C-alpha atoms as a PDB file:
ATOM      1  CA  MET A   1      31.350   7.933 -13.619  1.00  0.00           C
ATOM      2  CA  LEU A   2      28.609   9.434 -12.006  1.00  0.00           C
ATOM      3  CA  LEU A   3      29.074   9.774  -8.211  1.00  0.00           C
ATOM      4  CA  ARG A   4      26.762  10.746  -5.334  1.00  0.00           C
ATOM      5  CA  GLU A   5      27.550  14.326  -5.474  1.00  0.00           C
ATOM      6  CA  ASP A   6      27.172  14.891  -9.252  1.00  0.00           C
ATOM      7  CA  ILE A   7      23.090  13.654  -8.446  1.00  0.00           C
ATOM      8  CA  GLU A   8      22.834  15.752  -5.948  1.00  0.00           C
ATOM      9  CA  LYS A   9      24.318  19.027  -7.490  1.00  0.00           C
ATOM     10  CA  ARG A  10      21.718  18.009 -11.234  1.00  0.00           C
ATOM     11  CA  GLU A  11      18.880  18.133  -9.246  1.00  0.00           C
ATOM     12  CA  TYR A  12      19.670  21.389  -7.937  1.00  0.00           C
ATOM     13  CA  GLU A  13      20.198  22.466 -11.462  1.00  0.00           C
ATOM     14  CA  THR A  14      17.198  20.622 -12.786  1.00  0.00           C
ATOM     15  CA  LEU A  15      14.277  19.873 -10.201  1.00  0.00           C
ATOM     16  CA  SER A  16      11.932  22.419  -9.431  1.00  0.00           C
ATOM     17  CA  PRO A  17      11.945  25.153  -5.787  1.00  0.00           C
ATOM     18  CA  PHE A  18       9.416  23.330  -4.674  1.00  0.00           C
ATOM     19  CA  ALA A  19      11.102  19.647  -4.714  1.00  0.00           C
ATOM     20  CA  MET A  20      12.745  18.323  -2.307  1.00  0.00           C
ATOM     21  CA  LYS A  21      16.542  17.235  -3.099  1.00  0.00           C
ATOM     22  CA  ALA A  22      18.137  14.684  -1.350  1.00  0.00           C
ATOM     23  CA  ALA A  23      21.019  16.953   0.156  1.00  0.00           C
ATOM     24  CA  GLU A  24      18.941  18.386   2.300  1.00  0.00           C
ATOM     25  CA  THR A  25      16.908  15.642   3.866  1.00  0.00           C
ATOM     26  CA  MET A  26      16.314  15.466   7.574  1.00  0.00           C
ATOM     27  CA  GLY A  27      17.845  12.845   7.853  1.00  0.00           C
ATOM     28  CA  ARG A  28      17.682   9.236   9.508  1.00  0.00           C
ATOM     29  CA  ASP A  29      16.807   8.523  12.990  1.00  0.00           C
ATOM     30  CA  THR A  30      20.534   6.315  12.972  1.00  0.00           C
ATOM     31  CA  PRO A  31      23.110   8.937  11.264  1.00  0.00           C
ATOM     32  CA  GLU A  32      24.779   6.430   8.699  1.00  0.00           C
ATOM     33  CA  ASP A  33      27.658   6.868   6.356  1.00  0.00           C
ATOM     34  CA  ARG A  34      26.561   8.562   2.691  1.00  0.00           C
ATOM     35  CA  ASP A  35      26.609   6.204  -0.166  1.00  0.00           C
ATOM     36  CA  ASP A  36      29.319   6.555  -2.923  1.00  0.00           C
ATOM     37  CA  PHE A  37      26.753   6.633  -6.120  1.00  0.00           C
ATOM     38  CA  ARG A  38      22.870   7.123  -4.501  1.00  0.00           C
ATOM     39  CA  THR A  39      20.980   9.320  -3.144  1.00  0.00           C
ATOM     40  CA  GLU A  40      19.519   8.988   0.312  1.00  0.00           C
ATOM     41  CA  TYR A  41      15.675   8.689  -1.147  1.00  0.00           C
ATOM     42  CA  GLN A  42      17.554   5.883  -3.521  1.00  0.00           C
ATOM     43  CA  ARG A  43      19.141   3.827  -0.846  1.00  0.00           C
ATOM     44  CA  ASP A  44      15.647   3.906   0.802  1.00  0.00           C
ATOM     45  CA  ARG A  45      13.868   2.898  -2.479  1.00  0.00           C
ATOM     46  CA  ASP A  46      16.593   0.022  -2.823  1.00  0.00           C
ATOM     47  CA  ARG A  47      16.045  -0.731   0.547  1.00  0.00           C
ATOM     48  CA  ILE A  48      12.279  -1.032   0.636  1.00  0.00           C
ATOM     49  CA  ILE A  49      12.100  -3.349  -2.936  1.00  0.00           C
ATOM     50  CA  HIS A  50      14.759  -5.826  -1.226  1.00  0.00           C
ATOM     51  CA  SER A  51      12.967  -6.541   1.655  1.00  0.00           C
ATOM     52  CA  LYS A  52      10.534  -9.689   2.635  1.00  0.00           C
ATOM     53  CA  SER A  53       7.884  -7.532   3.599  1.00  0.00           C
ATOM     54  CA  PHE A  54       7.503  -5.734  -0.356  1.00  0.00           C
ATOM     55  CA  ARG A  55       8.002  -9.670  -1.549  1.00  0.00           C
ATOM     56  CA  ARG A  56       4.591 -10.791   0.349  1.00  0.00           C
ATOM     57  CA  LEU A  57       2.324  -8.267  -1.211  1.00  0.00           C
ATOM     58  CA  MET A  58       3.235 -10.468  -4.562  1.00  0.00           C
ATOM     59  CA  HIS A  59       0.363 -12.782  -2.901  1.00  0.00           C
ATOM     60  CA  LYS A  60      -1.862 -10.447  -0.810  1.00  0.00           C
ATOM     61  CA  THR A  61      -5.100  -9.949  -2.896  1.00  0.00           C
ATOM     62  CA  GLN A  62      -6.665  -6.465  -3.781  1.00  0.00           C
ATOM     63  CA  VAL A  63      -9.626  -6.726  -3.819  1.00  0.00           C
ATOM     64  CA  PHE A  64     -10.978 -10.501  -4.712  1.00  0.00           C
ATOM     65  CA  LEU A  65     -10.027 -13.027  -3.011  1.00  0.00           C
ATOM     66  CA  ALA A  66      -8.399 -15.634  -4.680  1.00  0.00           C
ATOM     67  CA  PRO A  67      -9.307 -14.980  -7.738  1.00  0.00           C
ATOM     68  CA  GLU A  68      -9.414 -16.999 -10.821  1.00  0.00           C
ATOM     69  CA  GLY A  69      -7.257 -15.783 -13.493  1.00  0.00           C
ATOM     70  CA  ASP A  70      -3.873 -13.779 -13.865  1.00  0.00           C
ATOM     71  CA  HIS A  71      -4.757 -10.917 -14.662  1.00  0.00           C
ATOM     72  CA  PHE A  72      -6.511  -9.264 -11.133  1.00  0.00           C
ATOM     73  CA  ARG A  73      -4.052  -7.086  -8.956  1.00  0.00           C
ATOM     74  CA  THR A  74      -2.526  -7.858  -6.106  1.00  0.00           C
ATOM     75  CA  ARG A  75      -1.014  -5.426  -3.621  1.00  0.00           C
ATOM     76  CA  LEU A  76       2.530  -5.606  -5.500  1.00  0.00           C
ATOM     77  CA  THR A  77       1.010  -4.734  -9.013  1.00  0.00           C
ATOM     78  CA  HIS A  78      -0.960  -1.832  -7.103  1.00  0.00           C
ATOM     79  CA  THR A  79       2.229  -0.816  -6.067  1.00  0.00           C
ATOM     80  CA  LEU A  80       3.968  -0.803  -9.173  1.00  0.00           C
ATOM     81  CA  GLU A  81       0.877   1.062 -10.547  1.00  0.00           C
ATOM     82  CA  VAL A  82       1.105   3.857  -7.879  1.00  0.00           C
ATOM     83  CA  SER A  83       4.860   3.746  -8.559  1.00  0.00           C
ATOM     84  CA  GLN A  84       4.205   4.595 -12.464  1.00  0.00           C
ATOM     85  CA  ILE A  85       1.385   7.181 -12.109  1.00  0.00           C
ATOM     86  CA  ALA A  86       3.476   8.718  -9.434  1.00  0.00           C
ATOM     87  CA  ARG A  87       6.663   8.974 -11.422  1.00  0.00           C
ATOM     88  CA  THR A  88       4.828  10.470 -14.914  1.00  0.00           C
ATOM     89  CA  ILE A  89       3.678  13.575 -12.714  1.00  0.00           C
ATOM     90  CA  ALA A  90       6.544  14.143 -10.335  1.00  0.00           C
ATOM     91  CA  ARG A  91       9.114  14.264 -13.518  1.00  0.00           C
ATOM     92  CA  ALA A  92       6.333  16.554 -15.415  1.00  0.00           C
ATOM     93  CA  LEU A  93       6.185  18.610 -12.049  1.00  0.00           C
ATOM     94  CA  ALA A  94      10.114  18.459 -11.925  1.00  0.00           C
ATOM     95  CA  LEU A  95       9.950  16.862  -8.456  1.00  0.00           C
ATOM     96  CA  ASN A  96      11.913  13.973  -7.306  1.00  0.00           C
ATOM     97  CA  GLU A  97      11.472  11.079  -9.116  1.00  0.00           C
ATOM     98  CA  ASP A  98      13.921   8.629  -6.054  1.00  0.00           C
ATOM     99  CA  LEU A  99      11.972  10.456  -3.286  1.00  0.00           C
ATOM    100  CA  THR A 100       8.697  10.042  -4.686  1.00  0.00           C
ATOM    101  CA  GLU A 101       9.902   6.063  -6.017  1.00  0.00           C
ATOM    102  CA  ALA A 102      10.764   5.402  -2.714  1.00  0.00           C
ATOM    103  CA  ILE A 103       7.046   6.336  -1.144  1.00  0.00           C
ATOM    104  CA  ALA A 104       5.293   4.572  -3.471  1.00  0.00           C
ATOM    105  CA  MET A 105       7.350   1.441  -3.016  1.00  0.00           C
ATOM    106  CA  GLY A 106       6.369   1.527   0.737  1.00  0.00           C
ATOM    107  CA  HIS A 107       2.632   2.847   0.868  1.00  0.00           C
ATOM    108  CA  ASP A 108       1.477  -0.967   1.391  1.00  0.00           C
ATOM    109  CA  LEU A 109       3.956  -2.690   2.916  1.00  0.00           C
ATOM    110  CA  GLY A 110       1.137  -2.584   6.204  1.00  0.00           C
ATOM    111  CA  HIS A 111      -1.407  -4.022   4.477  1.00  0.00           C
ATOM    112  CA  THR A 112      -3.095  -7.421   5.813  1.00  0.00           C
ATOM    113  CA  PRO A 113      -3.892 -10.121   3.850  1.00  0.00           C
ATOM    114  CA  PHE A 114      -7.648 -10.681   2.184  1.00  0.00           C
ATOM    115  CA  GLY A 115      -7.661  -7.588   0.735  1.00  0.00           C
ATOM    116  CA  HIS A 116     -10.243  -4.776   2.271  1.00  0.00           C
ATOM    117  CA  ILE A 117     -12.085  -7.362   3.539  1.00  0.00           C
ATOM    118  CA  GLY A 118      -8.965  -8.641   5.867  1.00  0.00           C
ATOM    119  CA  GLU A 119      -8.351  -5.104   6.736  1.00  0.00           C
ATOM    120  CA  ALA A 120     -11.918  -4.146   7.634  1.00  0.00           C
ATOM    121  CA  LEU A 121     -12.088  -7.523   9.673  1.00  0.00           C
ATOM    122  CA  LEU A 122      -8.685  -7.128  11.570  1.00  0.00           C
ATOM    123  CA  SER A 123      -9.886  -3.220  12.541  1.00  0.00           C
ATOM    124  CA  GLU A 124     -13.025  -4.978  13.823  1.00  0.00           C
ATOM    125  CA  ARG A 125     -10.877  -8.055  15.936  1.00  0.00           C
ATOM    126  CA  HIS A 126      -7.991  -5.596  17.379  1.00  0.00           C
ATOM    127  CA  PRO A 127      -8.622  -3.210  20.021  1.00  0.00           C
ATOM    128  CA  GLY A 128      -8.199   0.553  18.711  1.00  0.00           C
ATOM    129  CA  GLY A 129      -8.550  -0.831  15.257  1.00  0.00           C
ATOM    130  CA  PHE A 130      -6.377  -1.541  12.493  1.00  0.00           C
ATOM    131  CA  ARG A 131      -5.463   1.457  10.182  1.00  0.00           C
ATOM    132  CA  HIS A 132      -2.996  -0.169   7.122  1.00  0.00           C
ATOM    133  CA  ASN A 133      -0.786   3.285   6.809  1.00  0.00           C
ATOM    134  CA  GLU A 134      -0.060   3.725  10.683  1.00  0.00           C
ATOM    135  CA  GLN A 135       1.350   0.086  10.084  1.00  0.00           C
ATOM    136  CA  SER A 136       2.855   0.656   6.751  1.00  0.00           C
ATOM    137  CA  LEU A 137       5.432   3.129   9.052  1.00  0.00           C
ATOM    138  CA  ARG A 138       5.856   0.741  12.126  1.00  0.00           C
ATOM    139  CA  VAL A 139       6.667  -2.336   9.320  1.00  0.00           C
ATOM    140  CA  VAL A 140       9.488   0.157   8.201  1.00  0.00           C
ATOM    141  CA  GLU A 141      10.435   1.421  11.313  1.00  0.00           C
ATOM    142  CA  LEU A 142      10.354  -1.211  13.806  1.00  0.00           C
ATOM    143  CA  LEU A 143       9.367  -4.934  12.151  1.00  0.00           C
ATOM    144  CA  GLU A 144      11.329  -5.162   8.918  1.00  0.00           C
ATOM    145  CA  ARG A 145      14.954  -5.687   9.757  1.00  0.00           C
ATOM    146  CA  ALA A 146      17.402  -3.915   7.342  1.00  0.00           C
ATOM    147  CA  GLY A 147      20.222  -3.956   9.482  1.00  0.00           C
ATOM    148  CA  LYS A 148      21.392  -4.304  12.974  1.00  0.00           C
ATOM    149  CA  GLY A 149      19.214  -2.960  14.472  1.00  0.00           C
ATOM    150  CA  PRO A 150      15.156  -2.752  14.632  1.00  0.00           C
ATOM    151  CA  GLY A 151      13.683  -1.248  11.066  1.00  0.00           C
ATOM    152  CA  MET A 152      14.912   0.217   8.078  1.00  0.00           C
ATOM    153  CA  ASN A 153      16.427   3.533   8.974  1.00  0.00           C
ATOM    154  CA  LEU A 154      15.397   5.254   5.897  1.00  0.00           C
ATOM    155  CA  THR A 155      14.829   9.352   5.932  1.00  0.00           C
ATOM    156  CA  LYS A 156      12.069  10.601   7.586  1.00  0.00           C
ATOM    157  CA  GLU A 157      10.773  11.953   3.906  1.00  0.00           C
ATOM    158  CA  VAL A 158       9.755   8.831   2.366  1.00  0.00           C
ATOM    159  CA  ARG A 159       8.718   7.338   5.792  1.00  0.00           C
ATOM    160  CA  ASP A 160       6.042  10.540   6.107  1.00  0.00           C
ATOM    161  CA  GLY A 161       5.237  10.022   2.958  1.00  0.00           C
ATOM    162  CA  ILE A 162       4.146   6.453   3.678  1.00  0.00           C
ATOM    163  CA  LEU A 163       2.481   7.467   7.182  1.00  0.00           C
ATOM    164  CA  ASN A 164       0.319  10.319   5.387  1.00  0.00           C
ATOM    165  CA  HIS A 165      -0.315   8.429   1.723  1.00  0.00           C
ATOM    166  CA  THR A 166      -4.056   8.784   3.355  1.00  0.00           C
ATOM    167  CA  GLY A 167      -5.762   9.964   6.596  1.00  0.00           C
ATOM    168  CA  PRO A 168      -6.293  13.600   7.795  1.00  0.00           C
ATOM    169  CA  THR A 169      -2.580  14.360   7.755  1.00  0.00           C
ATOM    170  CA  TRP A 170      -1.216  15.880   4.442  1.00  0.00           C
ATOM    171  CA  PRO A 171       2.298  14.574   3.457  1.00  0.00           C
ATOM    172  CA  MET A 172       5.442  17.467   4.021  1.00  0.00           C
ATOM    173  CA  THR A 173       6.338  17.139   0.449  1.00  0.00           C
ATOM    174  CA  LEU A 174       5.248  17.486  -2.529  1.00  0.00           C
ATOM    175  CA  GLU A 175       6.668  14.446  -3.860  1.00  0.00           C
ATOM    176  CA  GLY A 176       4.182  12.614  -1.114  1.00  0.00           C
ATOM    177  CA  GLN A 177       1.665  14.621  -1.852  1.00  0.00           C
ATOM    178  CA  VAL A 178       2.056  13.083  -5.701  1.00  0.00           C
ATOM    179  CA  VAL A 179       1.719   9.549  -4.406  1.00  0.00           C
ATOM    180  CA  ARG A 180      -1.071  10.513  -2.187  1.00  0.00           C
ATOM    181  CA  HIS A 181      -3.249  10.856  -5.447  1.00  0.00           C
ATOM    182  CA  SER A 182      -1.990   8.370  -7.392  1.00  0.00           C
ATOM    183  CA  ASP A 183      -2.652   5.929  -5.069  1.00  0.00           C
ATOM    184  CA  ARG A 184      -6.220   6.981  -4.690  1.00  0.00           C
ATOM    185  CA  ILE A 185      -6.179   7.395  -9.103  1.00  0.00           C
ATOM    186  CA  ALA A 186      -4.023   3.578  -9.309  1.00  0.00           C
ATOM    187  CA  TYR A 187      -7.064   1.908  -6.839  1.00  0.00           C
ATOM    188  CA  ILE A 188     -10.576   3.072  -7.958  1.00  0.00           C
ATOM    189  CA  ASN A 189      -9.403   3.200 -11.853  1.00  0.00           C
ATOM    190  CA  HIS A 190      -8.229  -0.831 -11.642  1.00  0.00           C
ATOM    191  CA  ASP A 191     -11.005  -1.680  -8.562  1.00  0.00           C
ATOM    192  CA  ILE A 192     -13.094  -1.081 -11.800  1.00  0.00           C
ATOM    193  CA  ASP A 193     -11.271  -2.913 -13.730  1.00  0.00           C
ATOM    194  CA  ASP A 194     -11.225  -6.129 -12.036  1.00  0.00           C
ATOM    195  CA  ALA A 195     -14.644  -5.361 -10.570  1.00  0.00           C
ATOM    196  CA  ILE A 196     -15.826  -5.690 -14.645  1.00  0.00           C
ATOM    197  CA  ARG A 197     -13.895  -8.618 -15.071  1.00  0.00           C
ATOM    198  CA  GLY A 198     -15.183 -10.312 -12.002  1.00  0.00           C
ATOM    199  CA  GLY A 199     -18.580  -9.857 -13.504  1.00  0.00           C
ATOM    200  CA  VAL A 200     -19.720  -7.297  -9.689  1.00  0.00           C
ATOM    201  CA  ILE A 201     -20.586  -4.768 -12.110  1.00  0.00           C
ATOM    202  CA  ARG A 202     -20.578  -3.790 -16.051  1.00  0.00           C
ATOM    203  CA  ALA A 203     -19.016  -0.645 -17.390  1.00  0.00           C
ATOM    204  CA  GLU A 204     -22.046   0.462 -18.336  1.00  0.00           C
ATOM    205  CA  ASP A 205     -23.407   0.436 -14.074  1.00  0.00           C
ATOM    206  CA  LEU A 206     -20.469   3.767 -13.723  1.00  0.00           C
ATOM    207  CA  PRO A 207     -21.945   6.724 -12.412  1.00  0.00           C
ATOM    208  CA  LYS A 208     -22.422   8.589 -16.684  1.00  0.00           C
ATOM    209  CA  HIS A 209     -21.563  12.322 -15.619  1.00  0.00           C
ATOM    210  CA  CYS A 210     -17.906  10.567 -13.938  1.00  0.00           C
ATOM    211  CA  ILE A 211     -17.331   8.929 -17.226  1.00  0.00           C
ATOM    212  CA  ALA A 212     -18.653  11.919 -18.929  1.00  0.00           C
ATOM    213  CA  VAL A 213     -16.219  14.175 -16.833  1.00  0.00           C
ATOM    214  CA  LEU A 214     -12.837  11.177 -16.618  1.00  0.00           C
ATOM    215  CA  GLY A 215     -13.400   9.008 -19.754  1.00  0.00           C
ATOM    216  CA  GLU A 216     -14.689   5.800 -20.879  1.00  0.00           C
ATOM    217  CA  THR A 217     -11.830   3.668 -20.787  1.00  0.00           C
ATOM    218  CA  HIS A 218      -9.524   2.737 -18.059  1.00  0.00           C
ATOM    219  CA  SER A 219      -6.659   4.192 -20.310  1.00  0.00           C
ATOM    220  CA  LYS A 220      -8.489   7.375 -20.684  1.00  0.00           C
ATOM    221  CA  ARG A 221      -9.728   7.819 -17.088  1.00  0.00           C
ATOM    222  CA  ILE A 222      -5.955   7.718 -15.840  1.00  0.00           C
ATOM    223  CA  SER A 223      -4.616   9.951 -18.429  1.00  0.00           C
ATOM    224  CA  THR A 224      -7.323  12.786 -17.281  1.00  0.00           C
ATOM    225  CA  LEU A 225      -6.475  12.761 -14.094  1.00  0.00           C
ATOM    226  CA  VAL A 226      -2.655  12.498 -14.196  1.00  0.00           C
ATOM    227  CA  ARG A 227      -3.039  15.371 -16.373  1.00  0.00           C
ATOM    228  CA  ASP A 228      -5.517  17.055 -14.253  1.00  0.00           C
ATOM    229  CA  VAL A 229      -3.030  16.958 -11.206  1.00  0.00           C
ATOM    230  CA  VAL A 230      -0.408  18.284 -13.633  1.00  0.00           C
ATOM    231  CA  ALA A 231      -2.029  21.258 -15.234  1.00  0.00           C
ATOM    232  CA  ASN A 232      -3.379  22.710 -11.333  1.00  0.00           C
ATOM    233  CA  SER A 233      -0.054  21.797  -9.499  1.00  0.00           C
ATOM    234  CA  ASP A 234       3.027  22.992 -11.824  1.00  0.00           C
ATOM    235  CA  GLY A 235       4.592  26.348 -10.222  1.00  0.00           C
ATOM    236  CA  LYS A 236       2.573  25.461  -7.263  1.00  0.00           C
ATOM    237  CA  ASP A 237       3.636  24.429  -3.195  1.00  0.00           C
ATOM    238  CA  ARG A 238       0.341  22.185  -3.440  1.00  0.00           C
ATOM    239  CA  VAL A 239      -0.257  19.043  -5.839  1.00  0.00           C
ATOM    240  CA  THR A 240      -3.627  19.052  -5.900  1.00  0.00           C
ATOM    241  CA  LEU A 241      -7.171  18.100  -8.379  1.00  0.00           C
ATOM    242  CA  SER A 242      -9.045  20.315 -10.167  1.00  0.00           C
ATOM    243  CA  ALA A 243     -12.393  21.103  -8.167  1.00  0.00           C
ATOM    244  CA  GLU A 244     -14.252  19.152 -12.052  1.00  0.00           C
ATOM    245  CA  LYS A 245     -12.640  16.385 -11.916  1.00  0.00           C
ATOM    246  CA  LYS A 246     -11.681  15.973  -7.784  1.00  0.00           C
ATOM    247  CA  GLN A 247     -15.433  15.572  -7.435  1.00  0.00           C
ATOM    248  CA  ALA A 248     -15.668  12.901 -10.425  1.00  0.00           C
ATOM    249  CA  MET A 249     -13.252  10.696  -8.771  1.00  0.00           C
ATOM    250  CA  ASP A 250     -14.834  10.816  -5.392  1.00  0.00           C
ATOM    251  CA  GLU A 251     -18.498  10.091  -6.925  1.00  0.00           C
ATOM    252  CA  LEU A 252     -16.251   7.519  -8.282  1.00  0.00           C
ATOM    253  CA  ARG A 253     -14.879   6.468  -5.139  1.00  0.00           C
ATOM    254  CA  ASP A 254     -18.452   6.340  -3.346  1.00  0.00           C
ATOM    255  CA  PHE A 255     -19.710   4.474  -6.492  1.00  0.00           C
ATOM    256  CA  MET A 256     -17.215   1.833  -5.872  1.00  0.00           C
ATOM    257  CA  PHE A 257     -17.900   1.411  -2.007  1.00  0.00           C
ATOM    258  CA  ARG A 258     -21.399   1.212  -2.550  1.00  0.00           C
ATOM    259  CA  ASN A 259     -21.608  -1.064  -5.253  1.00  0.00           C
ATOM    260  CA  VAL A 260     -18.175  -2.941  -4.868  1.00  0.00           C
ATOM    261  CA  TYR A 261     -15.834  -2.801  -1.417  1.00  0.00           C
ATOM    262  CA  LEU A 262     -18.565  -2.462   1.278  1.00  0.00           C
ATOM    263  CA  SER A 263     -21.568  -4.361  -1.024  1.00  0.00           C
ATOM    264  CA  PRO A 264     -23.105  -7.272   0.868  1.00  0.00           C
ATOM    265  CA  VAL A 265     -23.171  -9.171  -2.708  1.00  0.00           C
ATOM    266  CA  VAL A 266     -20.000  -9.287  -2.845  1.00  0.00           C
ATOM    267  CA  ARG A 267     -18.871  -9.933   0.684  1.00  0.00           C
ATOM    268  CA  GLU A 268     -20.934 -13.116   0.578  1.00  0.00           C
ATOM    269  CA  ASP A 269     -19.327 -14.117  -2.711  1.00  0.00           C
ATOM    270  CA  ALA A 270     -15.999 -13.362  -1.123  1.00  0.00           C
ATOM    271  CA  GLY A 271     -16.519 -14.761   1.733  1.00  0.00           C
ATOM    272  CA  MET A 272     -16.166 -12.647   3.567  1.00  0.00           C
ATOM    273  CA  GLU A 273     -17.680 -15.048   6.417  1.00  0.00           C
ATOM    274  CA  LYS A 274     -14.292 -17.442   6.208  1.00  0.00           C
ATOM    275  CA  VAL A 275     -12.185 -15.285   6.086  1.00  0.00           C
ATOM    276  CA  ARG A 276     -13.319 -13.594   9.700  1.00  0.00           C
ATOM    277  CA  ALA A 277     -13.199 -17.299  10.762  1.00  0.00           C
ATOM    278  CA  ILE A 278      -9.694 -16.920   9.589  1.00  0.00           C
ATOM    279  CA  ILE A 279      -8.914 -13.860  10.821  1.00  0.00           C
ATOM    280  CA  PHE A 280     -10.905 -14.270  13.596  1.00  0.00           C
ATOM    281  CA  GLY A 281      -9.272 -17.609  14.636  1.00  0.00           C
ATOM    282  CA  LEU A 282      -5.810 -16.764  13.736  1.00  0.00           C
ATOM    283  CA  TYR A 283      -5.990 -13.841  16.244  1.00  0.00           C
ATOM    284  CA  ASP A 284      -7.811 -15.310  18.839  1.00  0.00           C
ATOM    285  CA  TYR A 285      -4.905 -18.539  18.848  1.00  0.00           C
ATOM    286  CA  TYR A 286      -1.906 -16.744  18.681  1.00  0.00           C
ATOM    287  CA  ARG A 287      -3.439 -14.787  21.844  1.00  0.00           C
ATOM    288  CA  ASP A 288      -3.596 -17.388  23.634  1.00  0.00           C
ATOM    289  CA  HIS A 289      -0.693 -19.239  22.149  1.00  0.00           C
ATOM    290  CA  PRO A 290       1.790 -16.715  22.069  1.00  0.00           C
ATOM    291  CA  GLU A 291       4.176 -19.327  21.849  1.00  0.00           C
ATOM    292  CA  ALA A 292       2.684 -20.367  18.414  1.00  0.00           C
ATOM    293  CA  MET A 293       4.068 -17.465  16.616  1.00  0.00           C
ATOM    294  CA  PRO A 294       7.730 -16.376  15.004  1.00  0.00           C
ATOM    295  CA  ARG A 295      11.197 -15.514  17.941  1.00  0.00           C
ATOM    296  CA  GLU A 296      10.902 -12.605  16.253  1.00  0.00           C
ATOM    297  CA  ARG A 297       7.008 -11.664  17.474  1.00  0.00           C
ATOM    298  CA  ARG A 298       7.107 -13.578  20.613  1.00  0.00           C
ATOM    299  CA  GLU A 299      10.486 -11.504  21.763  1.00  0.00           C
ATOM    300  CA  MET A 300       8.231  -8.355  21.451  1.00  0.00           C
ATOM    301  CA  VAL A 301       5.240  -8.988  23.402  1.00  0.00           C
ATOM    302  CA  GLU A 302       6.551  -7.394  26.633  1.00  0.00           C
ATOM    303  CA  ALA A 303       7.550  -4.498  24.978  1.00  0.00           C
ATOM    304  CA  TYR A 304       4.309  -3.776  22.951  1.00  0.00           C
ATOM    305  CA  GLY A 305       1.782  -6.075  24.888  1.00  0.00           C
ATOM    306  CA  ILE A 306       0.298  -9.215  23.481  1.00  0.00           C
ATOM    307  CA  ASP A 307      -2.465  -7.991  21.236  1.00  0.00           C
ATOM    308  CA  THR A 308       0.231  -5.626  19.382  1.00  0.00           C
ATOM    309  CA  CYS A 309       2.246  -8.121  18.031  1.00  0.00           C
ATOM    310  CA  VAL A 310      -0.862 -10.791  17.311  1.00  0.00           C
ATOM    311  CA  LYS A 311      -2.161  -7.683  15.104  1.00  0.00           C
ATOM    312  CA  ASP A 312       1.544  -7.454  14.027  1.00  0.00           C
ATOM    313  CA  HIS A 313       1.786 -11.278  12.895  1.00  0.00           C
ATOM    314  CA  ILE A 314      -1.646 -11.528  11.023  1.00  0.00           C
ATOM    315  CA  ALA A 315      -0.755  -8.182   9.238  1.00  0.00           C
ATOM    316  CA  SER A 316       2.329  -9.695   7.859  1.00  0.00           C
ATOM    317  CA  MET A 317       0.568 -12.796   6.111  1.00  0.00           C
ATOM    318  CA  SER A 318       0.014 -13.258   2.583  1.00  0.00           C
ATOM    319  CA  ASP A 319      -3.061 -14.741   1.789  1.00  0.00           C
ATOM    320  CA  ARG A 320      -2.084 -18.579   1.329  1.00  0.00           C
ATOM    321  CA  TYR A 321       0.299 -18.327   4.136  1.00  0.00           C
ATOM    322  CA  ALA A 322      -2.841 -17.245   7.011  1.00  0.00           C
ATOM    323  CA  ILE A 323      -5.010 -19.950   4.814  1.00  0.00           C
ATOM    324  CA  ARG A 324      -2.307 -22.103   5.598  1.00  0.00           C
ATOM    325  CA  ALA A 325      -1.834 -21.460   9.111  1.00  0.00           C
ATOM    326  CA  TYR A 326      -5.695 -21.417   9.875  1.00  0.00           C
ATOM    327  CA  THR A 327      -5.678 -24.965   8.405  1.00  0.00           C
ATOM    328  CA  ASP A 328      -2.579 -26.019  10.178  1.00  0.00           C
ATOM    329  CA  LEU A 329      -4.413 -25.031  13.437  1.00  0.00           C
ATOM    330  CA  PHE A 330      -7.612 -26.269  13.097  1.00  0.00           C
ATOM    331  CA  ILE A 331      -8.321 -28.306  10.726  1.00  0.00           C
ATOM    332  CA  PRO A 332      -7.307 -32.249  11.557  1.00  0.00           C
ATOM    333  CA  LYS A 333      -4.658 -33.902   9.767  1.00  0.00           C
ATOM    334  CA  ASN A 334      -6.753 -36.405   8.719  1.00  0.00           C
ATOM    335  CA  TRP A 335      -9.282 -34.583   7.339  1.00  0.00           C
ATOM    336  CA  LYS A 336      -6.301 -32.204   5.355  1.00  0.00           C
ATOM    337  CA  THR A 337      -5.294 -35.952   3.978  1.00  0.00           C
ATOM    338  CA  ASP A 338      -8.711 -36.917   2.773  1.00  0.00           C
ATOM    339  CA  LEU A 339      -9.360 -33.518   1.130  1.00  0.00           C
ATOM    340  CA  GLU A 340      -5.844 -33.838  -0.958  1.00  0.00           C
ATOM    341  CA  GLY A 341      -7.046 -37.620  -2.132  1.00  0.00           C
ATOM    342  CA  MET A 342     -10.729 -36.550  -3.081  1.00  0.00           C
END
């Protein structure tokens, strides 16, 4: 029988001195009894995977809205790809895989429906803007309930990694830094794959210098970047890429923003104005009619304000739920019947 204490002892014997050990966690805001078999980071991972917020990622698109075909990424498949890349790097660097996996599984829980476009539009409509990393932290600390109280009561290291997987501040653990790199490695490369599949760009459109440095295929680019992270971080107290590979990846990311994420043509093809109508329409309606929101959102209005609660409600929606909610609120019932019969 392998008990939690055995796993914690094994971490001291096998992990890098720079790895975060489960027995040394800074703990939870609300203290809990330790589990017999799982470390604290394993418990955090399990709470995230079993949450409603995690399941909803299945129906939140990554880049393309309601894509035709079964092979385009969703937020859930993106999360799984990030987790796989991060665990590979963490294992090679002898870091804590359980902590790495927990952060990876939770890093995108706060994403909006309708991919990058949905996030940009909710940020435009909500006072103070919208940042999905901050919303992900809000989900695990307050909105998702794993027990009697609000939030999942995760460890500080996991919450720090979720918040700082993007933005100006780097995670305090190397495991969190691994996820930060893995997120970018994953989304740049799989978004290229989806954009080519969707006919938005061609493989020959990619910057030739970047392809020469990173590789001409999806798998080669990921392998190149993973190897580079490991080679440049081994035995160090910071996870980093080489200057050459980082520059090539940054240039590739800039290319994607110009030609895919922020491209006027892509936004028009993706129905940005239709998404705007849905996001803005739902936001304004719920702001004027808070009674139409679920009870748990209504009960938070006094403490957090109507705008924050409306933002929480819309950000939690899947693509199809947002479309259905908009249809129910703004499309006359006889119109829907006529459309279904066409």
